[in-house]
Amino acid sequence: MRRVIIESPYAGNVELNLRYLRAAMRDCLDRGEAPFASHGLYTQDGVLDDNIPAQRDLGIAAGFAWRIVADATVVYTDLGITIGMEFGIAHADECGRAVEYRTLPGWTP
């Protein structure tokens, strides 16, 4: 399976953004990919608090550690591209990793 990092929104309307992330993960799996989304994993209750800068930075660093083994970064754009997503895209570019932009046809908030 091709390993992909998912870039999608998190902050703001967290409930909506996590629902969107789950749909993006399903899309990846349906494509035969193995998705990883640190913003959906590390922000769960009892792990890290995205509202505490030091914990947010720790989550970003841990996510970036996984990125080095990814085959591509996939950016889901239906809800726009956030500053955090831009940071992930820039990191992928710096590492020479492919960046793909996708939408989820038929997805509604």
PDB file of N, CA and C in Angstrom:
ATOM      1  N   MET A   1       0.834  -1.189   0.000  1.00  0.00           N
ATOM      2  CA  MET A   1       0.000   0.000   0.000  1.00  0.00           C
ATOM      3  C   MET A   1       0.874   1.247   0.000  1.00  0.00           C
ATOM      4  N   ARG A   2       0.442   2.225  -0.719  1.00  0.00           N
ATOM      5  CA  ARG A   2       1.144   3.504  -0.741  1.00  0.00           C
ATOM      6  C   ARG A   2       0.809   4.269   0.540  1.00  0.00           C
ATOM      7  N   ARG A   3       1.844   4.729   1.241  1.00  0.00           N
ATOM      8  CA  ARG A   3       1.670   5.465   2.491  1.00  0.00           C
ATOM      9  C   ARG A   3       1.491   6.943   2.187  1.00  0.00           C
ATOM     10  N   VAL A   4       0.398   7.527   2.689  1.00  0.00           N
ATOM     11  CA  VAL A   4       0.129   8.943   2.431  1.00  0.00           C
ATOM     12  C   VAL A   4      -0.160   9.685   3.727  1.00  0.00           C
ATOM     13  N   ILE A   5       0.301  10.919   3.754  1.00  0.00           N
ATOM     14  CA  ILE A   5      -0.018  11.837   4.841  1.00  0.00           C
ATOM     15  C   ILE A   5      -1.208  12.665   4.382  1.00  0.00           C
ATOM     16  N   ILE A   6      -2.221  12.770   5.213  1.00  0.00           N
ATOM     17  CA  ILE A   6      -3.385  13.588   4.878  1.00  0.00           C
ATOM     18  C   ILE A   6      -3.223  14.979   5.465  1.00  0.00           C
ATOM     19  N   GLU A   7      -3.450  15.978   4.615  1.00  0.00           N
ATOM     20  CA  GLU A   7      -3.566  17.368   5.057  1.00  0.00           C
ATOM     21  C   GLU A   7      -5.025  17.759   4.892  1.00  0.00           C
ATOM     22  N   SER A   8      -5.648  18.141   6.008  1.00  0.00           N
ATOM     23  CA  SER A   8      -7.022  18.635   6.007  1.00  0.00           C
ATOM     24  C   SER A   8      -7.153  19.564   7.211  1.00  0.00           C
ATOM     25  N   PRO A   9      -8.188  20.399   7.240  1.00  0.00           N
ATOM     26  CA  PRO A   9      -8.325  21.332   8.369  1.00  0.00           C
ATOM     27  C   PRO A   9      -8.569  20.610   9.692  1.00  0.00           C
ATOM     28  N   TYR A  10      -8.135  21.252  10.779  1.00  0.00           N
ATOM     29  CA  TYR A  10      -8.459  20.757  12.113  1.00  0.00           C
ATOM     30  C   TYR A  10      -9.078  21.862  12.965  1.00  0.00           C
ATOM     31  N   ALA A  11      -8.349  22.944  13.185  1.00  0.00           N
ATOM     32  CA  ALA A  11      -8.810  24.022  14.064  1.00  0.00           C
ATOM     33  C   ALA A  11     -10.078  24.667  13.510  1.00  0.00           C
ATOM     34  N   GLY A  12     -10.778  25.346  14.396  1.00  0.00           N
ATOM     35  CA  GLY A  12     -12.030  25.991  13.995  1.00  0.00           C
ATOM     36  C   GLY A  12     -13.189  25.102  14.371  1.00  0.00           C
ATOM     37  N   ASN A  13     -13.940  24.663  13.375  1.00  0.00           N
ATOM     38  CA  ASN A  13     -15.072  23.767  13.617  1.00  0.00           C
ATOM     39  C   ASN A  13     -14.530  22.334  13.680  1.00  0.00           C
ATOM     40  N   VAL A  14     -14.014  21.966  14.839  1.00  0.00           N
ATOM     41  CA  VAL A  14     -13.316  20.693  15.005  1.00  0.00           C
ATOM     42  C   VAL A  14     -14.228  19.507  14.678  1.00  0.00           C
ATOM     43  N   GLU A  15     -15.467  19.557  15.107  1.00  0.00           N
ATOM     44  CA  GLU A  15     -16.385  18.439  14.836  1.00  0.00           C
ATOM     45  C   GLU A  15     -16.560  18.230  13.330  1.00  0.00           C
ATOM     46  N   LEU A  16     -16.806  19.301  12.609  1.00  0.00           N
ATOM     47  CA  LEU A  16     -16.947  19.225  11.147  1.00  0.00           C
ATOM     48  C   LEU A  16     -15.642  18.762  10.508  1.00  0.00           C
ATOM     49  N   ASN A  17     -14.531  19.325  10.954  1.00  0.00           N
ATOM     50  CA  ASN A  17     -13.236  18.997  10.354  1.00  0.00           C
ATOM     51  C   ASN A  17     -12.843  17.543  10.593  1.00  0.00           C
ATOM     52  N   LEU A  18     -13.189  16.999  11.755  1.00  0.00           N
ATOM     53  CA  LEU A  18     -12.892  15.583  12.009  1.00  0.00           C
ATOM     54  C   LEU A  18     -13.795  14.674  11.180  1.00  0.00           C
ATOM     55  N   ARG A  19     -15.036  15.083  10.979  1.00  0.00           N
ATOM     56  CA  ARG A  19     -15.929  14.305  10.105  1.00  0.00           C
ATOM     57  C   ARG A  19     -15.366  14.291   8.686  1.00  0.00           C
ATOM     58  N   TYR A  20     -14.864  15.442   8.238  1.00  0.00           N
ATOM     59  CA  TYR A  20     -14.255  15.539   6.917  1.00  0.00           C
ATOM     60  C   TYR A  20     -12.994  14.670   6.841  1.00  0.00           C
ATOM     61  N   LEU A  21     -12.182  14.717   7.883  1.00  0.00           N
ATOM     62  CA  LEU A  21     -10.965  13.897   7.922  1.00  0.00           C
ATOM     63  C   LEU A  21     -11.303  12.414   7.807  1.00  0.00           C
ATOM     64  N   ARG A  22     -12.327  11.971   8.526  1.00  0.00           N
ATOM     65  CA  ARG A  22     -12.710  10.556   8.439  1.00  0.00           C
ATOM     66  C   ARG A  22     -13.110  10.189   7.012  1.00  0.00           C
ATOM     67  N   ALA A  23     -13.823  11.089   6.334  1.00  0.00           N
ATOM     68  CA  ALA A  23     -14.198  10.832   4.936  1.00  0.00           C
ATOM     69  C   ALA A  23     -12.957  10.800   4.043  1.00  0.00           C
ATOM     70  N   ALA A  24     -11.987  11.666   4.314  1.00  0.00           N
ATOM     71  CA  ALA A  24     -10.746  11.683   3.531  1.00  0.00           C
ATOM     72  C   ALA A  24      -9.957  10.387   3.761  1.00  0.00           C
ATOM     73  N   MET A  25      -9.926   9.928   5.002  1.00  0.00           N
ATOM     74  CA  MET A  25      -9.224   8.677   5.290  1.00  0.00           C
ATOM     75  C   MET A  25      -9.881   7.520   4.549  1.00  0.00           C
ATOM     76  N   ARG A  26     -11.195   7.500   4.531  1.00  0.00           N
ATOM     77  CA  ARG A  26     -11.911   6.447   3.806  1.00  0.00           C
ATOM     78  C   ARG A  26     -11.595   6.516   2.317  1.00  0.00           C
ATOM     79  N   ASP A  27     -11.533   7.742   1.785  1.00  0.00           N
ATOM     80  CA  ASP A  27     -11.196   7.924   0.372  1.00  0.00           C
ATOM     81  C   ASP A  27      -9.820   7.325   0.078  1.00  0.00           C
ATOM     82  N   CYS A  28      -8.857   7.591   0.946  1.00  0.00           N
ATOM     83  CA  CYS A  28      -7.516   7.029   0.766  1.00  0.00           C
ATOM     84  C   CYS A  28      -7.552   5.506   0.801  1.00  0.00           C
ATOM     85  N   LEU A  29      -8.237   4.953   1.783  1.00  0.00           N
ATOM     86  CA  LEU A  29      -8.321   3.500   1.894  1.00  0.00           C
ATOM     87  C   LEU A  29      -8.987   2.891   0.664  1.00  0.00           C
ATOM     88  N   ASP A  30     -10.031   3.548   0.159  1.00  0.00           N
ATOM     89  CA  ASP A  30     -10.699   3.062  -1.054  1.00  0.00           C
ATOM     90  C   ASP A  30      -9.778   3.097  -2.273  1.00  0.00           C
ATOM     91  N   ARG A  31      -8.755   3.946  -2.221  1.00  0.00           N
ATOM     92  CA  ARG A  31      -7.778   4.041  -3.308  1.00  0.00           C
ATOM     93  C   ARG A  31      -6.626   3.052  -3.122  1.00  0.00           C
ATOM     94  N   GLY A  32      -6.682   2.260  -2.069  1.00  0.00           N
ATOM     95  CA  GLY A  32      -5.614   1.305  -1.802  1.00  0.00           C
ATOM     96  C   GLY A  32      -4.429   1.924  -1.086  1.00  0.00           C
ATOM     97  N   GLU A  33      -4.647   3.042  -0.413  1.00  0.00           N
ATOM     98  CA  GLU A  33      -3.570   3.747   0.290  1.00  0.00           C
ATOM     99  C   GLU A  33      -3.682   3.513   1.797  1.00  0.00           C
ATOM    100  N   ALA A  34      -2.580   3.712   2.488  1.00  0.00           N
ATOM    101  CA  ALA A  34      -2.526   3.646   3.942  1.00  0.00           C
ATOM    102  C   ALA A  34      -2.352   5.071   4.459  1.00  0.00           C
ATOM    103  N   PRO A  35      -3.447   5.722   4.877  1.00  0.00           N
ATOM    104  CA  PRO A  35      -3.356   7.124   5.290  1.00  0.00           C
ATOM    105  C   PRO A  35      -2.878   7.294   6.734  1.00  0.00           C
ATOM    106  N   PHE A  36      -2.223   8.427   6.981  1.00  0.00           N
ATOM    107  CA  PHE A  36      -1.842   8.830   8.328  1.00  0.00           C
ATOM    108  C   PHE A  36      -2.237  10.283   8.496  1.00  0.00           C
ATOM    109  N   ALA A  37      -2.885  10.589   9.616  1.00  0.00           N
ATOM    110  CA  ALA A  37      -3.336  11.954   9.885  1.00  0.00           C
ATOM    111  C   ALA A  37      -3.069  12.281  11.344  1.00  0.00           C
ATOM    112  N   SER A  38      -1.909  12.861  11.609  1.00  0.00           N
ATOM    113  CA  SER A  38      -1.517  13.134  12.997  1.00  0.00           C
ATOM    114  C   SER A  38      -2.511  14.063  13.689  1.00  0.00           C
ATOM    115  N   HIS A  39      -3.106  14.988  12.938  1.00  0.00           N
ATOM    116  CA  HIS A  39      -4.041  15.939  13.549  1.00  0.00           C
ATOM    117  C   HIS A  39      -5.331  15.269  14.011  1.00  0.00           C
ATOM    118  N   GLY A  40      -5.643  14.108  13.501  1.00  0.00           N
ATOM    119  CA  GLY A  40      -6.803  13.365  13.962  1.00  0.00           C
ATOM    120  C   GLY A  40      -6.462  12.363  15.056  1.00  0.00           C
ATOM    121  N   LEU A  41      -5.203  12.016  15.157  1.00  0.00           N
ATOM    122  CA  LEU A  41      -4.760  11.019  16.135  1.00  0.00           C
ATOM    123  C   LEU A  41      -4.260  11.673  17.421  1.00  0.00           C
ATOM    124  N   TYR A  42      -3.347  12.607  17.291  1.00  0.00           N
ATOM    125  CA  TYR A  42      -2.699  13.176  18.466  1.00  0.00           C
ATOM    126  C   TYR A  42      -3.580  14.150  19.238  1.00  0.00           C
ATOM    127  N   THR A  43      -4.670  14.609  18.653  1.00  0.00           N
ATOM    128  CA  THR A  43      -5.544  15.573  19.315  1.00  0.00           C
ATOM    129  C   THR A  43      -6.691  14.904  20.064  1.00  0.00           C
ATOM    130  N   GLN A  44      -6.706  13.588  20.107  1.00  0.00           N
ATOM    131  CA  GLN A  44      -7.757  12.900  20.851  1.00  0.00           C
ATOM    132  C   GLN A  44      -7.621  13.185  22.341  1.00  0.00           C
ATOM    133  N   ASP A  45      -8.757  13.124  23.056  1.00  0.00           N
ATOM    134  CA  ASP A  45      -8.746  13.360  24.500  1.00  0.00           C
ATOM    135  C   ASP A  45      -7.705  12.485  25.181  1.00  0.00           C
ATOM    136  N   GLY A  46      -6.932  13.099  26.053  1.00  0.00           N
ATOM    137  CA  GLY A  46      -5.934  12.363  26.811  1.00  0.00           C
ATOM    138  C   GLY A  46      -4.586  12.232  26.120  1.00  0.00           C
ATOM    139  N   VAL A  47      -4.476  12.727  24.875  1.00  0.00           N
ATOM    140  CA  VAL A  47      -3.196  12.636  24.170  1.00  0.00           C
ATOM    141  C   VAL A  47      -2.538  14.020  24.208  1.00  0.00           C
ATOM    142  N   LEU A  48      -2.897  14.897  23.313  1.00  0.00           N
ATOM    143  CA  LEU A  48      -2.356  16.264  23.298  1.00  0.00           C
ATOM    144  C   LEU A  48      -3.501  17.266  23.147  1.00  0.00           C
ATOM    145  N   ASP A  49      -3.298  18.457  23.663  1.00  0.00           N
ATOM    146  CA  ASP A  49      -4.287  19.530  23.561  1.00  0.00           C
ATOM    147  C   ASP A  49      -3.791  20.535  22.529  1.00  0.00           C
ATOM    148  N   ASP A  50      -4.479  20.630  21.407  1.00  0.00           N
ATOM    149  CA  ASP A  50      -4.088  21.513  20.312  1.00  0.00           C
ATOM    150  C   ASP A  50      -4.127  22.986  20.709  1.00  0.00           C
ATOM    151  N   ASN A  51      -4.818  23.303  21.799  1.00  0.00           N
ATOM    152  CA  ASN A  51      -4.911  24.698  22.253  1.00  0.00           C
ATOM    153  C   ASN A  51      -3.729  25.120  23.120  1.00  0.00           C
ATOM    154  N   ILE A  52      -2.863  24.193  23.463  1.00  0.00           N
ATOM    155  CA  ILE A  52      -1.662  24.501  24.254  1.00  0.00           C
ATOM    156  C   ILE A  52      -0.477  24.477  23.288  1.00  0.00           C
ATOM    157  N   PRO A  53       0.142  25.648  23.030  1.00  0.00           N
ATOM    158  CA  PRO A  53       1.185  25.725  22.000  1.00  0.00           C
ATOM    159  C   PRO A  53       2.285  24.668  22.100  1.00  0.00           C
ATOM    160  N   ALA A  54       2.779  24.385  23.281  1.00  0.00           N
ATOM    161  CA  ALA A  54       3.851  23.394  23.409  1.00  0.00           C
ATOM    162  C   ALA A  54       3.362  22.007  22.994  1.00  0.00           C
ATOM    163  N   GLN A  55       2.125  21.664  23.341  1.00  0.00           N
ATOM    164  CA  GLN A  55       1.581  20.371  22.952  1.00  0.00           C
ATOM    165  C   GLN A  55       1.291  20.330  21.452  1.00  0.00           C
ATOM    166  N   ARG A  56       0.804  21.439  20.905  1.00  0.00           N
ATOM    167  CA  ARG A  56       0.583  21.511  19.453  1.00  0.00           C
ATOM    168  C   ARG A  56       1.907  21.296  18.715  1.00  0.00           C
ATOM    169  N   ASP A  57       2.962  21.978  19.182  1.00  0.00           N
ATOM    170  CA  ASP A  57       4.288  21.827  18.561  1.00  0.00           C
ATOM    171  C   ASP A  57       4.797  20.398  18.654  1.00  0.00           C
ATOM    172  N   LEU A  58       4.550  19.746  19.788  1.00  0.00           N
ATOM    173  CA  LEU A  58       4.960  18.351  19.960  1.00  0.00           C
ATOM    174  C   LEU A  58       4.226  17.455  18.958  1.00  0.00           C
ATOM    175  N   GLY A  59       2.933  17.688  18.783  1.00  0.00           N
ATOM    176  CA  GLY A  59       2.154  16.914  17.822  1.00  0.00           C
ATOM    177  C   GLY A  59       2.640  17.114  16.400  1.00  0.00           C
ATOM    178  N   ILE A  60       2.969  18.360  16.056  1.00  0.00           N
ATOM    179  CA  ILE A  60       3.493  18.649  14.711  1.00  0.00           C
ATOM    180  C   ILE A  60       4.819  17.921  14.507  1.00  0.00           C
ATOM    181  N   ALA A  61       5.705  18.003  15.494  1.00  0.00           N
ATOM    182  CA  ALA A  61       7.007  17.339  15.379  1.00  0.00           C
ATOM    183  C   ALA A  61       6.841  15.822  15.238  1.00  0.00           C
ATOM    184  N   ALA A  62       5.926  15.234  16.010  1.00  0.00           N
ATOM    185  CA  ALA A  62       5.699  13.789  15.917  1.00  0.00           C
ATOM    186  C   ALA A  62       5.124  13.418  14.555  1.00  0.00           C
ATOM    187  N   GLY A  63       4.221  14.236  14.042  1.00  0.00           N
ATOM    188  CA  GLY A  63       3.669  13.987  12.710  1.00  0.00           C
ATOM    189  C   GLY A  63       4.740  14.079  11.642  1.00  0.00           C
ATOM    190  N   PHE A  64       5.628  15.054  11.767  1.00  0.00           N
ATOM    191  CA  PHE A  64       6.699  15.218  10.783  1.00  0.00           C
ATOM    192  C   PHE A  64       7.668  14.038  10.819  1.00  0.00           C
ATOM    193  N   ALA A  65       7.841  13.425  11.997  1.00  0.00           N
ATOM    194  CA  ALA A  65       8.717  12.257  12.085  1.00  0.00           C
ATOM    195  C   ALA A  65       8.176  11.116  11.220  1.00  0.00           C
ATOM    196  N   TRP A  66       6.854  10.994  11.132  1.00  0.00           N
ATOM    197  CA  TRP A  66       6.242   9.962  10.292  1.00  0.00           C
ATOM    198  C   TRP A  66       6.312  10.307   8.817  1.00  0.00           C
ATOM    199  N   ARG A  67       6.362  11.585   8.505  1.00  0.00           N
ATOM    200  CA  ARG A  67       6.331  12.023   7.104  1.00  0.00           C
ATOM    201  C   ARG A  67       7.503  11.479   6.286  1.00  0.00           C
ATOM    202  N   ILE A  68       8.621  11.237   6.923  1.00  0.00           N
ATOM    203  CA  ILE A  68       9.800  10.807   6.161  1.00  0.00           C
ATOM    204  C   ILE A  68       9.615   9.439   5.514  1.00  0.00           C
ATOM    205  N   VAL A  69       8.657   8.651   6.012  1.00  0.00           N
ATOM    206  CA  VAL A  69       8.417   7.344   5.403  1.00  0.00           C
ATOM    207  C   VAL A  69       7.226   7.360   4.446  1.00  0.00           C
ATOM    208  N   ALA A  70       6.599   8.522   4.281  1.00  0.00           N
ATOM    209  CA  ALA A  70       5.423   8.611   3.404  1.00  0.00           C
ATOM    210  C   ALA A  70       5.830   8.681   1.940  1.00  0.00           C
ATOM    211  N   ASP A  71       4.967   8.145   1.097  1.00  0.00           N
ATOM    212  CA  ASP A  71       5.180   8.203  -0.344  1.00  0.00           C
ATOM    213  C   ASP A  71       4.638   9.493  -0.943  1.00  0.00           C
ATOM    214  N   ALA A  72       3.643  10.100  -0.290  1.00  0.00           N
ATOM    215  CA  ALA A  72       3.034  11.320  -0.815  1.00  0.00           C
ATOM    216  C   ALA A  72       2.280  12.034   0.301  1.00  0.00           C
ATOM    217  N   THR A  73       2.013  13.305   0.069  1.00  0.00           N
ATOM    218  CA  THR A  73       1.126  14.094   0.906  1.00  0.00           C
ATOM    219  C   THR A  73      -0.116  14.379   0.078  1.00  0.00           C
ATOM    220  N   VAL A  74      -1.279  14.084   0.625  1.00  0.00           N
ATOM    221  CA  VAL A  74      -2.520  14.353  -0.085  1.00  0.00           C
ATOM    222  C   VAL A  74      -3.280  15.439   0.665  1.00  0.00           C
ATOM    223  N   VAL A  75      -3.675  16.454  -0.069  1.00  0.00           N
ATOM    224  CA  VAL A  75      -4.307  17.644   0.492  1.00  0.00           C
ATOM    225  C   VAL A  75      -5.770  17.645   0.074  1.00  0.00           C
ATOM    226  N   TYR A  76      -6.655  17.562   1.046  1.00  0.00           N
ATOM    227  CA  TYR A  76      -8.091  17.583   0.771  1.00  0.00           C
ATOM    228  C   TYR A  76      -8.592  19.025   0.921  1.00  0.00           C
ATOM    229  N   THR A  77      -9.154  19.566  -0.151  1.00  0.00           N
ATOM    230  CA  THR A  77      -9.367  21.010  -0.275  1.00  0.00           C
ATOM    231  C   THR A  77     -10.810  21.492  -0.174  1.00  0.00           C
ATOM    232  N   ASP A  78     -11.772  20.619   0.018  1.00  0.00           N
ATOM    233  CA  ASP A  78     -13.175  21.048   0.037  1.00  0.00           C
ATOM    234  C   ASP A  78     -13.466  22.113   1.088  1.00  0.00           C
ATOM    235  N   LEU A  79     -12.748  22.098   2.192  1.00  0.00           N
ATOM    236  CA  LEU A  79     -12.963  23.065   3.271  1.00  0.00           C
ATOM    237  C   LEU A  79     -11.902  24.159   3.269  1.00  0.00           C
ATOM    238  N   GLY A  80     -11.127  24.242   2.204  1.00  0.00           N
ATOM    239  CA  GLY A  80     -10.073  25.244   2.108  1.00  0.00           C
ATOM    240  C   GLY A  80      -8.739  24.709   2.599  1.00  0.00           C
ATOM    241  N   ILE A  81      -7.733  25.563   2.510  1.00  0.00           N
ATOM    242  CA  ILE A  81      -6.385  25.206   2.956  1.00  0.00           C
ATOM    243  C   ILE A  81      -6.002  26.147   4.088  1.00  0.00           C
ATOM    244  N   THR A  82      -5.727  25.587   5.250  1.00  0.00           N
ATOM    245  CA  THR A  82      -5.398  26.374   6.432  1.00  0.00           C
ATOM    246  C   THR A  82      -3.893  26.643   6.495  1.00  0.00           C
ATOM    247  N   ILE A  83      -3.513  27.481   7.428  1.00  0.00           N
ATOM    248  CA  ILE A  83      -2.094  27.775   7.634  1.00  0.00           C
ATOM    249  C   ILE A  83      -1.349  26.494   8.022  1.00  0.00           C
ATOM    250  N   GLY A  84      -1.950  25.688   8.876  1.00  0.00           N
ATOM    251  CA  GLY A  84      -1.321  24.422   9.273  1.00  0.00           C
ATOM    252  C   GLY A  84      -1.115  23.493   8.089  1.00  0.00           C
ATOM    253  N   MET A  85      -2.099  23.456   7.191  1.00  0.00           N
ATOM    254  CA  MET A  85      -1.966  22.635   5.994  1.00  0.00           C
ATOM    255  C   MET A  85      -0.860  23.174   5.097  1.00  0.00           C
ATOM    256  N   GLU A  86      -0.775  24.490   4.980  1.00  0.00           N
ATOM    257  CA  GLU A  86       0.289  25.108   4.172  1.00  0.00           C
ATOM    258  C   GLU A  86       1.660  24.727   4.714  1.00  0.00           C
ATOM    259  N   PHE A  87       1.774  24.658   6.039  1.00  0.00           N
ATOM    260  CA  PHE A  87       3.020  24.253   6.687  1.00  0.00           C
ATOM    261  C   PHE A  87       3.392  22.824   6.272  1.00  0.00           C
ATOM    262  N   GLY A  88       2.410  21.917   6.280  1.00  0.00           N
ATOM    263  CA  GLY A  88       2.637  20.532   5.867  1.00  0.00           C
ATOM    264  C   GLY A  88       2.990  20.413   4.395  1.00  0.00           C
ATOM    265  N   ILE A  89       2.337  21.220   3.553  1.00  0.00           N
ATOM    266  CA  ILE A  89       2.628  21.220   2.114  1.00  0.00           C
ATOM    267  C   ILE A  89       4.056  21.696   1.869  1.00  0.00           C
ATOM    268  N   ALA A  90       4.441  22.763   2.557  1.00  0.00           N
ATOM    269  CA  ALA A  90       5.800  23.294   2.408  1.00  0.00           C
ATOM    270  C   ALA A  90       6.833  22.258   2.840  1.00  0.00           C
ATOM    271  N   HIS A  91       6.550  21.548   3.924  1.00  0.00           N
ATOM    272  CA  HIS A  91       7.480  20.522   4.400  1.00  0.00           C
ATOM    273  C   HIS A  91       7.617  19.416   3.363  1.00  0.00           C
ATOM    274  N   ALA A  92       6.499  19.006   2.766  1.00  0.00           N
ATOM    275  CA  ALA A  92       6.550  17.965   1.726  1.00  0.00           C
ATOM    276  C   ALA A  92       7.383  18.442   0.544  1.00  0.00           C
ATOM    277  N   ASP A  93       7.189  19.693   0.148  1.00  0.00           N
ATOM    278  CA  ASP A  93       7.967  20.253  -0.961  1.00  0.00           C
ATOM    279  C   ASP A  93       9.460  20.250  -0.631  1.00  0.00           C
ATOM    280  N   GLU A  94       9.801  20.664   0.588  1.00  0.00           N
ATOM    281  CA  GLU A  94      11.200  20.706   1.012  1.00  0.00           C
ATOM    282  C   GLU A  94      11.841  19.321   0.983  1.00  0.00           C
ATOM    283  N   CYS A  95      11.052  18.305   1.294  1.00  0.00           N
ATOM    284  CA  CYS A  95      11.558  16.925   1.327  1.00  0.00           C
ATOM    285  C   CYS A  95      11.512  16.257  -0.039  1.00  0.00           C
ATOM    286  N   GLY A  96      10.943  16.941  -1.024  1.00  0.00           N
ATOM    287  CA  GLY A  96      10.847  16.366  -2.352  1.00  0.00           C
ATOM    288  C   GLY A  96       9.775  15.287  -2.476  1.00  0.00           C
ATOM    289  N   ARG A  97       8.797  15.313  -1.556  1.00  0.00           N
ATOM    290  CA  ARG A  97       7.723  14.322  -1.576  1.00  0.00           C
ATOM    291  C   ARG A  97       6.574  14.852  -2.435  1.00  0.00           C
ATOM    292  N   ALA A  98       5.952  13.975  -3.184  1.00  0.00           N
ATOM    293  CA  ALA A  98       4.834  14.355  -4.040  1.00  0.00           C
ATOM    294  C   ALA A  98       3.696  14.933  -3.204  1.00  0.00           C
ATOM    295  N   VAL A  99       3.049  15.975  -3.748  1.00  0.00           N
ATOM    296  CA  VAL A  99       1.871  16.579  -3.127  1.00  0.00           C
ATOM    297  C   VAL A  99       0.731  16.478  -4.125  1.00  0.00           C
ATOM    298  N   GLU A 100      -0.377  15.894  -3.678  1.00  0.00           N
ATOM    299  CA  GLU A 100      -1.556  15.742  -4.531  1.00  0.00           C
ATOM    300  C   GLU A 100      -2.721  16.479  -3.887  1.00  0.00           C
ATOM    301  N   TYR A 101      -3.508  17.163  -4.704  1.00  0.00           N
ATOM    302  CA  TYR A 101      -4.681  17.891  -4.229  1.00  0.00           C
ATOM    303  C   TYR A 101      -5.921  17.114  -4.627  1.00  0.00           C
ATOM    304  N   ARG A 102      -6.839  16.953  -3.667  1.00  0.00           N
ATOM    305  CA  ARG A 102      -8.043  16.160  -3.904  1.00  0.00           C
ATOM    306  C   ARG A 102      -9.278  16.851  -3.332  1.00  0.00           C
ATOM    307  N   THR A 103     -10.412  16.446  -3.881  1.00  0.00           N
ATOM    308  CA  THR A 103     -11.702  16.811  -3.304  1.00  0.00           C
ATOM    309  C   THR A 103     -12.475  15.509  -3.072  1.00  0.00           C
ATOM    310  N   LEU A 104     -13.538  15.616  -2.306  1.00  0.00           N
ATOM    311  CA  LEU A 104     -14.403  14.475  -2.039  1.00  0.00           C
ATOM    312  C   LEU A 104     -15.738  14.738  -2.732  1.00  0.00           C
ATOM    313  N   PRO A 105     -15.894  14.267  -3.954  1.00  0.00           N
ATOM    314  CA  PRO A 105     -17.151  14.494  -4.669  1.00  0.00           C
ATOM    315  C   PRO A 105     -18.350  13.990  -3.860  1.00  0.00           C
ATOM    316  N   GLY A 106     -19.355  14.825  -3.770  1.00  0.00           N
ATOM    317  CA  GLY A 106     -20.563  14.438  -3.053  1.00  0.00           C
ATOM    318  C   GLY A 106     -20.504  14.662  -1.563  1.00  0.00           C
ATOM    319  N   TRP A 107     -19.360  15.100  -1.036  1.00  0.00           N
ATOM    320  CA  TRP A 107     -19.260  15.325   0.402  1.00  0.00           C
ATOM    321  C   TRP A 107     -19.978  16.621   0.756  1.00  0.00           C
ATOM    322  N   THR A 108     -20.806  16.571   1.777  1.00  0.00           N
ATOM    323  CA  THR A 108     -21.491  17.780   2.224  1.00  0.00           C
ATOM    324  C   THR A 108     -21.292  17.942   3.719  1.00  0.00           C
ATOM    325  N   PRO A 109     -21.078  19.173   4.152  1.00  0.00           N
ATOM    326  CA  PRO A 109     -20.890  19.432   5.600  1.00  0.00           C
ATOM    327  C   PRO A 109     -22.123  19.103   6.423  1.00  0.00           C
TER     328      PRO A 109
END
